[in-house]
Amino acid sequence: MSSTLRTTLTPGQVLFREGDPPDCAYLIESGGIEVKARQRGKDVVLSLLGPGDLVGEMAVIDDSPRTATATAIGEAVLFPIDRSQIAERLAATDPIVRSLLEGQLKRYRGALAALQGQGVEAPTAPMTTSERLGVSKIRLESQLREALAARGLELGLQPLMDVDSGRIAGYEALVRWHHPERGPISPAEFVALAEETSLIVPVGEYVMDAACESVARLVEAGHGQPFVAVNVSARQLSHPGLVERIVARADAARLPRGTLKLEITESQVLDYDLVGEVIALCHAHGIKVALDDFGTGYSHLAHLHRLDFDVLKVDQAFSRNMVADPRAMAVVEAIVQLGRALQAEIVVEGVETRPQLEALRRLGCHYAQGYLIGRPRTLAQILADPVPGRFGG
């Protein structure tokens, strides 16, 4: 049957076979847009094909036989993969696909063990760098799922100080993961992995839940009414019902909705209409929205012109050298003035010295954040403070 279908292929189409001899073949159009099947010589409707279906290994790509595989990434969509791409793509595939592969691997290892028991030397095939990275990512993703299920992630709260009063006005919620084998894993690594594998949505929900619970505990313990800022990823922004779920969590924790601030990184503002809708919904519920890392993107002025942000967070790239570099100071001053004209709050990140803090006070900045003010700490550590809510740097 494979040869029958092969004669009908056009460049860009891929043929996958199942069985030996093959009794089922999948014909995948270029880009995985259209999927057709022929089973035992008859055309069939592939209505059951969806995420998790794994097909064949033999493929004909542009009329040239190759070793390949296919994985279901989205609903009823398959993508062909060459061997050199398998490990990388599998790190982003459906968990059902991975479970199928793990089952095959287990059987393969069992067969190898049986051969070795008979004195037959097992074949070896060195993994490429790409394959090693892919396997590592798959393993790390599985462990991240387990950590989420077991609530094994930890919330760090980094304080933001009111520049005028010197009091701790709020916190930024930062997720942390202490891996049982590797120890602390950089958020840059596992958050990026979560973005790639759609785990960022449950990770984001975990952070929001923990942030609301933490602020409620701080209020009960006499730490005033601090706000909490939570970063929202691009994938979360496009997830239906984002704002409604945030409101429900705040209400469940009995927090005033003004306690919450959502932070959107400037590089994530790609769809103005979508971000504008999210901001409008937040404002309707009394939630403020901050533009994070302001000044580092390509079109930050367009962001301010078209989107009604409540807070501008000045990236530490500008604040780091502001005392020693007059040009850096001028940039920070200009952003503060711009924020004042737009009636937006100004938060400056990367504050590590008292001269920086004094300069921000002279400029009229609202909030300062950085290691001088405080490093991220757990809720338990903050609750142990002898004088709650006070800057001690």
Protein backbone atom coordinates (compact mmCIF):
# COMPACT_ATOMS: atom_id res chain seq x y z
CA MET A 1 0.00 0.00 0.00
CA SER A 2 2.91 2.31 0.68
CA SER A 3 3.98 2.19 -2.95
CA THR A 4 0.41 2.92 -4.05
CA LEU A 5 0.25 6.08 -1.98
CA ARG A 6 3.76 7.12 -2.81
CA THR A 7 2.87 7.57 -6.46
CA THR A 8 0.24 10.11 -5.46
CA LEU A 9 2.50 12.24 -3.27
CA THR A 10 3.49 15.72 -4.30
CA PRO A 11 6.48 17.70 -2.99
CA GLY A 12 5.80 18.83 0.56
CA GLN A 13 3.61 15.84 1.44
CA VAL A 14 4.69 13.18 3.93
CA LEU A 15 3.64 9.55 4.11
CA PHE A 16 3.69 7.73 7.46
CA ARG A 17 3.15 3.98 7.68
CA GLU A 18 2.00 1.83 10.59
CA GLY A 19 2.46 -1.91 10.89
CA ASP A 20 4.79 -4.36 9.20
CA PRO A 21 3.52 -4.99 6.64
CA PRO A 22 1.82 -1.61 6.87
CA ASP A 23 -1.96 -1.73 7.20
CA CYS A 24 -2.47 1.97 7.81
CA ALA A 25 -0.88 5.09 6.37
CA TYR A 26 -1.26 8.76 7.13
CA LEU A 27 -0.79 11.36 4.45
CA ILE A 28 0.18 14.73 5.92
CA GLU A 29 0.06 17.88 3.85
CA SER A 30 2.89 20.41 4.07
CA GLY A 31 2.77 22.24 7.39
CA GLY A 32 0.42 19.68 8.93
CA ILE A 33 -2.67 21.63 7.84
CA GLU A 34 -4.59 18.74 6.27
CA VAL A 35 -4.49 15.12 7.37
CA LYS A 36 -5.86 12.23 5.27
CA ALA A 37 -5.69 8.49 5.78
CA ARG A 38 -6.02 5.29 3.81
CA GLN A 39 -6.58 2.09 5.73
CA ARG A 40 -6.43 -1.30 3.97
CA GLY A 41 -6.86 0.44 0.65
CA LYS A 42 -9.91 2.49 1.67
CA ASP A 43 -10.14 6.19 2.36
CA VAL A 44 -11.31 6.84 5.94
CA VAL A 45 -12.25 9.88 7.98
CA LEU A 46 -9.54 10.50 10.56
CA SER A 47 -11.98 11.78 13.18
CA LEU A 48 -10.20 10.22 16.14
CA LEU A 49 -6.81 11.68 15.37
CA GLY A 50 -5.81 14.25 17.97
CA PRO A 51 -3.20 15.15 20.58
CA GLY A 52 -1.34 12.06 21.70
CA ASP A 53 -1.67 9.97 18.55
CA LEU A 54 1.69 8.69 17.42
CA VAL A 55 2.17 7.42 13.89
CA GLY A 56 4.79 5.42 12.09
CA GLU A 57 8.47 5.91 11.54
CA MET A 58 8.94 5.52 7.79
CA ALA A 59 8.25 8.58 5.70
CA VAL A 60 8.59 9.85 2.17
CA ILE A 61 9.47 13.54 2.14
CA ASP A 62 9.58 15.32 -1.20
CA ASP A 63 9.68 11.90 -2.93
CA SER A 64 12.74 10.91 -0.87
CA PRO A 65 12.51 8.10 1.74
CA ARG A 66 13.67 9.20 5.20
CA THR A 67 13.56 8.01 8.75
CA ALA A 68 11.13 10.29 10.54
CA THR A 69 8.36 10.38 13.10
CA ALA A 70 5.31 12.47 13.79
CA THR A 71 3.85 13.89 16.97
CA ALA A 72 0.49 15.45 17.68
CA ILE A 73 1.14 19.00 18.89
CA GLY A 74 -2.27 20.63 18.70
CA GLU A 75 -5.81 19.39 18.18
CA ALA A 76 -5.93 17.05 15.16
CA VAL A 77 -2.67 18.43 13.77
CA LEU A 78 0.48 16.41 13.13
CA PHE A 79 3.91 17.75 12.36
CA PRO A 80 6.57 15.71 10.54
CA ILE A 81 9.98 15.64 12.17
CA ASP A 82 13.36 14.51 10.86
CA ARG A 83 15.56 12.45 13.18
CA SER A 84 17.76 15.45 13.95
CA GLN A 85 14.73 17.33 15.30
CA ILE A 86 13.04 14.55 17.24
CA ALA A 87 14.54 15.26 20.67
CA GLU A 88 13.87 19.00 20.45
CA ARG A 89 10.27 18.59 19.30
CA LEU A 90 9.40 15.92 21.83
CA ALA A 91 10.14 18.36 24.64
CA ALA A 92 7.08 20.33 23.50
CA THR A 93 4.70 17.48 22.61
CA ASP A 94 1.61 16.17 24.28
CA PRO A 95 2.26 14.13 27.45
CA ILE A 96 0.35 11.17 25.98
CA VAL A 97 2.85 11.05 23.13
CA ARG A 98 5.70 10.95 25.59
CA SER A 99 4.04 8.18 27.57
CA LEU A 100 3.78 6.12 24.38
CA LEU A 101 7.43 6.70 23.65
CA GLU A 102 8.41 5.85 27.20
CA GLY A 103 6.48 2.58 26.87
CA GLN A 104 8.32 1.75 23.67
CA LEU A 105 11.62 2.60 25.34
CA LYS A 106 10.80 0.37 28.29
CA ARG A 107 10.06 -2.57 25.98
CA TYR A 108 13.24 -1.87 24.04
CA ARG A 109 15.30 -1.87 27.22
CA GLY A 110 13.66 -5.12 28.28
CA ALA A 111 14.60 -6.72 24.98
CA LEU A 112 18.17 -5.48 25.36
CA ALA A 113 18.36 -6.89 28.87
CA ALA A 114 17.17 -10.26 27.58
CA LEU A 115 19.81 -10.23 24.86
CA GLN A 116 22.53 -9.29 27.32
CA GLY A 117 21.41 -12.17 29.52
CA GLN A 118 22.18 -14.46 26.60
CA GLY A 119 25.62 -12.95 26.20
CA VAL A 120 24.69 -10.79 23.20
CA GLU A 121 26.31 -7.37 23.23
CA ALA A 122 23.77 -4.55 23.03
CA PRO A 123 24.14 -2.08 20.16
CA THR A 124 25.04 1.45 21.08
CA ALA A 125 24.22 4.70 19.33
CA PRO A 126 25.72 7.91 20.72
CA MET A 127 23.20 10.69 21.25
CA THR A 128 23.68 13.97 19.51
CA THR A 129 23.89 17.19 21.51
CA SER A 130 20.40 18.06 20.32
CA GLU A 131 19.06 14.70 21.49
CA ARG A 132 20.72 15.01 24.90
CA LEU A 133 19.23 18.47 25.37
CA GLY A 134 15.83 17.19 24.30
CA VAL A 135 15.90 14.26 26.71
CA SER A 136 17.02 16.58 29.51
CA LYS A 137 14.14 18.95 28.76
CA ILE A 138 11.62 16.11 28.70
CA ARG A 139 12.86 14.87 32.08
CA LEU A 140 12.84 18.38 33.56
CA GLU A 141 9.33 19.03 32.27
CA SER A 142 8.07 15.81 33.83
CA GLN A 143 9.64 16.81 37.15
CA LEU A 144 8.12 20.28 36.88
CA ARG A 145 4.69 18.72 36.41
CA GLU A 146 5.28 16.62 39.52
CA ALA A 147 6.40 19.69 41.48
CA LEU A 148 3.24 21.54 40.44
CA ALA A 149 1.01 18.64 41.43
CA ALA A 150 2.73 18.36 44.81
CA ARG A 151 2.81 22.15 45.31
CA GLY A 152 6.58 21.85 45.37
CA LEU A 153 7.22 25.28 43.90
CA GLU A 154 7.97 28.14 46.27
CA LEU A 155 6.93 31.76 46.20
CA GLY A 156 9.51 34.45 46.78
CA LEU A 157 8.30 37.94 47.68
CA GLN A 158 10.61 40.83 46.82
CA PRO A 159 9.69 44.10 48.56
CA LEU A 160 8.93 47.40 46.87
CA MET A 161 9.54 50.48 49.01
CA ASP A 162 7.56 53.70 48.96
CA VAL A 163 10.38 56.14 48.24
CA ASP A 164 8.83 59.02 50.21
CA SER A 165 7.83 57.21 53.40
CA GLY A 166 10.44 54.45 53.47
CA ARG A 167 7.78 51.85 54.16
CA ILE A 168 7.41 48.56 52.33
CA ALA A 169 4.36 49.19 50.16
CA GLY A 170 4.13 45.87 48.36
CA TYR A 171 5.86 42.84 46.91
CA GLU A 172 6.59 41.26 43.58
CA ALA A 173 5.70 37.56 43.49
CA LEU A 174 8.55 35.46 42.09
CA VAL A 175 8.30 31.70 41.62
CA ARG A 176 11.19 29.52 42.79
CA TRP A 177 11.92 25.83 42.32
CA HIS A 178 14.28 23.88 44.55
CA HIS A 179 14.93 20.73 42.54
CA PRO A 180 15.44 17.61 44.70
CA GLU A 181 18.59 16.65 42.76
CA ARG A 182 19.90 19.84 41.16
CA GLY A 183 19.04 22.26 43.94
CA PRO A 184 17.76 25.74 43.03
CA ILE A 185 16.95 26.03 39.32
CA SER A 186 17.09 29.43 37.70
CA PRO A 187 13.63 30.83 36.89
CA ALA A 188 15.05 31.76 33.50
CA GLU A 189 15.40 28.03 32.80
CA PHE A 190 12.22 26.49 34.14
CA VAL A 191 9.89 29.40 33.35
CA ALA A 192 11.16 29.33 29.76
CA LEU A 193 10.50 25.58 29.71
CA ALA A 194 7.00 26.18 31.07
CA GLU A 195 6.39 28.69 28.27
CA GLU A 196 7.44 26.15 25.64
CA THR A 197 5.27 23.34 26.97
CA SER A 198 2.14 25.28 27.98
CA LEU A 199 2.87 24.59 31.66
CA ILE A 200 3.11 28.35 32.11
CA VAL A 201 -0.66 28.54 32.60
CA PRO A 202 -0.78 26.23 35.66
CA VAL A 203 2.49 27.76 36.92
CA GLY A 204 0.94 31.22 36.60
CA GLU A 205 -2.20 30.08 38.41
CA TYR A 206 -0.07 28.62 41.19
CA VAL A 207 1.79 31.92 41.59
CA MET A 208 -1.46 33.90 41.64
CA ASP A 209 -2.99 31.59 44.25
CA ALA A 210 0.11 31.71 46.44
CA ALA A 211 0.43 35.49 46.05
CA CYS A 212 -3.17 36.10 47.15
CA GLU A 213 -2.81 33.72 50.09
CA SER A 214 0.47 35.35 51.13
CA VAL A 215 -0.90 38.89 51.11
CA ALA A 216 -3.94 37.76 53.10
CA ARG A 217 -1.59 36.27 55.70
CA LEU A 218 0.47 39.47 55.83
CA VAL A 219 -2.65 41.55 56.41
CA GLU A 220 -3.75 39.23 59.22
CA ALA A 221 -0.29 39.52 60.81
CA GLY A 222 -0.42 43.32 60.93
CA HIS A 223 1.73 44.16 57.90
CA GLY A 224 -0.70 46.79 56.70
CA GLN A 225 -2.32 46.34 53.29
CA PRO A 226 0.56 45.65 50.88
CA PHE A 227 -0.07 45.20 47.18
CA VAL A 228 1.32 42.26 45.24
CA ALA A 229 2.55 42.35 41.65
CA VAL A 230 2.36 39.17 39.58
CA ASN A 231 3.92 38.71 36.16
CA VAL A 232 1.63 37.45 33.42
CA SER A 233 3.09 35.63 30.43
CA ALA A 234 2.09 36.07 26.81
CA ARG A 235 0.44 32.64 26.80
CA GLN A 236 -1.60 33.53 29.88
CA LEU A 237 -2.76 36.75 28.25
CA SER A 238 -4.34 34.76 25.44
CA HIS A 239 -5.87 32.19 27.79
CA PRO A 240 -9.67 32.64 28.05
CA GLY A 241 -11.02 33.89 31.36
CA LEU A 242 -7.69 35.12 32.75
CA VAL A 243 -9.04 38.21 34.51
CA GLU A 244 -12.14 36.44 35.80
CA ARG A 245 -10.00 33.74 37.44
CA ILE A 246 -7.76 36.38 39.01
CA VAL A 247 -10.78 38.21 40.41
CA ALA A 248 -12.16 34.95 41.81
CA ARG A 249 -8.87 34.22 43.56
CA ALA A 250 -8.70 37.70 45.07
CA ASP A 251 -12.28 37.43 46.29
CA ALA A 252 -11.63 33.98 47.76
CA ALA A 253 -8.71 35.43 49.73
CA ARG A 254 -10.88 38.42 50.75
CA LEU A 255 -8.43 40.87 49.22
CA PRO A 256 -9.37 44.28 47.89
CA ARG A 257 -8.90 44.00 44.13
CA GLY A 258 -6.72 47.09 44.20
CA THR A 259 -4.21 44.92 46.06
CA LEU A 260 -3.36 43.14 42.81
CA LYS A 261 -1.11 44.43 40.05
CA LEU A 262 -0.48 42.48 36.88
CA GLU A 263 2.90 42.93 35.21
CA ILE A 264 3.23 42.54 31.46
CA THR A 265 6.77 42.50 30.11
CA GLU A 266 7.25 44.96 27.29
CA SER A 267 8.51 42.31 24.88
CA GLN A 268 5.21 40.43 25.32
CA VAL A 269 3.10 43.29 23.99
CA LEU A 270 2.67 41.94 20.47
CA ASP A 271 -1.11 41.99 20.11
CA TYR A 272 -2.33 45.47 21.02
CA ASP A 273 -6.00 44.52 20.79
CA LEU A 274 -5.61 41.53 23.12
CA VAL A 275 -3.53 43.42 25.69
CA GLY A 276 -5.92 46.37 25.49
CA GLU A 277 -8.87 44.08 26.26
CA VAL A 278 -7.06 42.57 29.25
CA ILE A 279 -6.18 46.02 30.60
CA ALA A 280 -9.77 47.23 30.18
CA LEU A 281 -11.11 44.17 32.03
CA CYS A 282 -8.58 44.66 34.82
CA HIS A 283 -9.56 48.30 35.21
CA ALA A 284 -13.24 47.32 35.31
CA HIS A 285 -12.42 45.15 38.33
CA GLY A 286 -10.09 47.64 40.01
CA ILE A 287 -6.86 45.80 39.13
CA LYS A 288 -3.82 47.82 38.05
CA VAL A 289 -1.56 46.79 35.17
CA ALA A 290 2.17 47.51 34.95
CA LEU A 291 4.44 47.64 31.91
CA ASP A 292 7.54 45.74 33.03
CA ASP A 293 11.10 46.34 31.77
CA PHE A 294 10.03 49.65 30.28
CA GLY A 295 12.44 51.03 27.73
CA THR A 296 13.93 47.72 26.64
CA GLY A 297 11.50 46.92 23.82
CA TYR A 298 11.38 48.18 20.27
CA SER A 299 8.19 50.20 20.45
CA HIS A 300 7.73 51.29 24.04
CA LEU A 301 6.36 54.73 23.18
CA ALA A 302 3.74 53.11 20.97
CA HIS A 303 2.80 50.93 23.96
CA LEU A 304 2.14 54.02 26.06
CA HIS A 305 0.27 55.75 23.26
CA ARG A 306 -2.11 52.86 22.63
CA LEU A 307 -2.35 51.08 25.99
CA ASP A 308 -3.49 52.53 29.32
CA PHE A 309 -0.90 51.18 31.76
CA ASP A 310 -1.10 52.24 35.41
CA VAL A 311 2.53 51.54 36.28
CA LEU A 312 5.84 51.87 34.44
CA LYS A 313 8.68 49.69 35.73
CA VAL A 314 12.06 51.13 34.76
CA ASP A 315 14.48 48.37 33.83
CA GLN A 316 17.67 48.07 35.86
CA ALA A 317 19.67 48.59 32.67
CA PHE A 318 18.93 52.31 33.15
CA SER A 319 19.09 52.53 36.94
CA ARG A 320 22.28 50.53 37.47
CA ASN A 321 24.64 53.35 36.45
CA MET A 322 22.36 56.33 36.97
CA VAL A 323 24.51 57.91 39.71
CA ALA A 324 27.81 57.69 37.83
CA ASP A 325 26.46 58.21 34.31
CA PRO A 326 24.68 61.54 33.61
CA ARG A 327 23.09 60.09 30.47
CA ALA A 328 21.58 57.19 32.39
CA MET A 329 20.32 59.66 35.00
CA ALA A 330 18.75 61.75 32.24
CA VAL A 331 16.93 58.71 30.86
CA VAL A 332 15.50 57.78 34.27
CA GLU A 333 14.47 61.38 34.88
CA ALA A 334 12.74 61.53 31.49
CA ILE A 335 10.81 58.32 32.23
CA VAL A 336 9.72 59.67 35.61
CA GLN A 337 8.48 62.87 33.98
CA LEU A 338 6.71 60.87 31.27
CA GLY A 339 5.01 58.72 33.89
CA ARG A 340 3.92 61.79 35.81
CA ALA A 341 2.38 63.27 32.64
CA LEU A 342 0.53 60.00 32.01
CA GLN A 343 -0.55 59.79 35.67
CA ALA A 344 1.27 56.47 35.97
CA GLU A 345 3.19 55.18 38.96
CA ILE A 346 6.94 54.74 38.49
CA VAL A 347 8.81 51.73 39.86
CA VAL A 348 12.59 51.60 39.43
CA GLU A 349 14.23 48.18 39.53
CA GLY A 350 17.82 47.34 40.35
CA VAL A 351 18.24 49.72 43.30
CA GLU A 352 21.35 48.52 45.13
CA THR A 353 22.91 51.63 46.69
CA ARG A 354 21.77 54.50 48.88
CA PRO A 355 22.94 57.13 46.35
CA GLN A 356 20.59 55.52 43.83
CA LEU A 357 17.75 55.68 46.33
CA GLU A 358 18.43 59.32 47.17
CA ALA A 359 18.51 60.19 43.47
CA LEU A 360 15.14 58.50 42.95
CA ARG A 361 13.71 60.44 45.87
CA ARG A 362 14.86 63.72 44.30
CA LEU A 363 13.36 62.72 40.95
CA GLY A 364 9.98 61.96 42.48
CA CYS A 365 9.93 58.23 41.79
CA HIS A 366 7.13 56.36 43.57
CA TYR A 367 8.61 52.94 44.34
CA ALA A 368 12.09 51.38 44.48
CA GLN A 369 12.91 47.70 44.10
CA GLY A 370 16.27 45.98 44.36
CA TYR A 371 18.71 44.28 46.69
CA LEU A 372 19.14 47.46 48.78
CA ILE A 373 15.45 47.29 49.62
CA GLY A 374 15.43 43.53 50.04
CA ARG A 375 16.00 40.23 48.31
CA PRO A 376 13.13 37.85 47.59
CA ARG A 377 12.09 35.98 50.74
CA THR A 378 9.49 33.44 51.71
CA LEU A 379 6.31 34.40 53.51
CA ALA A 380 7.60 32.74 56.70
CA GLN A 381 10.74 34.87 56.64
CA ILE A 382 8.76 38.08 56.18
CA LEU A 383 6.35 37.18 58.97
CA ALA A 384 9.35 36.78 61.28
CA ASP A 385 10.34 40.44 60.84
CA PRO A 386 10.36 42.26 64.20
CA VAL A 387 9.08 45.49 62.62
CA PRO A 388 6.65 44.61 59.85
CA GLY A 389 6.65 46.56 56.63
CA ARG A 390 9.73 48.69 57.29
CA PHE A 391 12.78 49.18 55.06
CA GLY A 392 15.85 48.15 57.00
CA GLY A 393 18.56 48.58 54.38
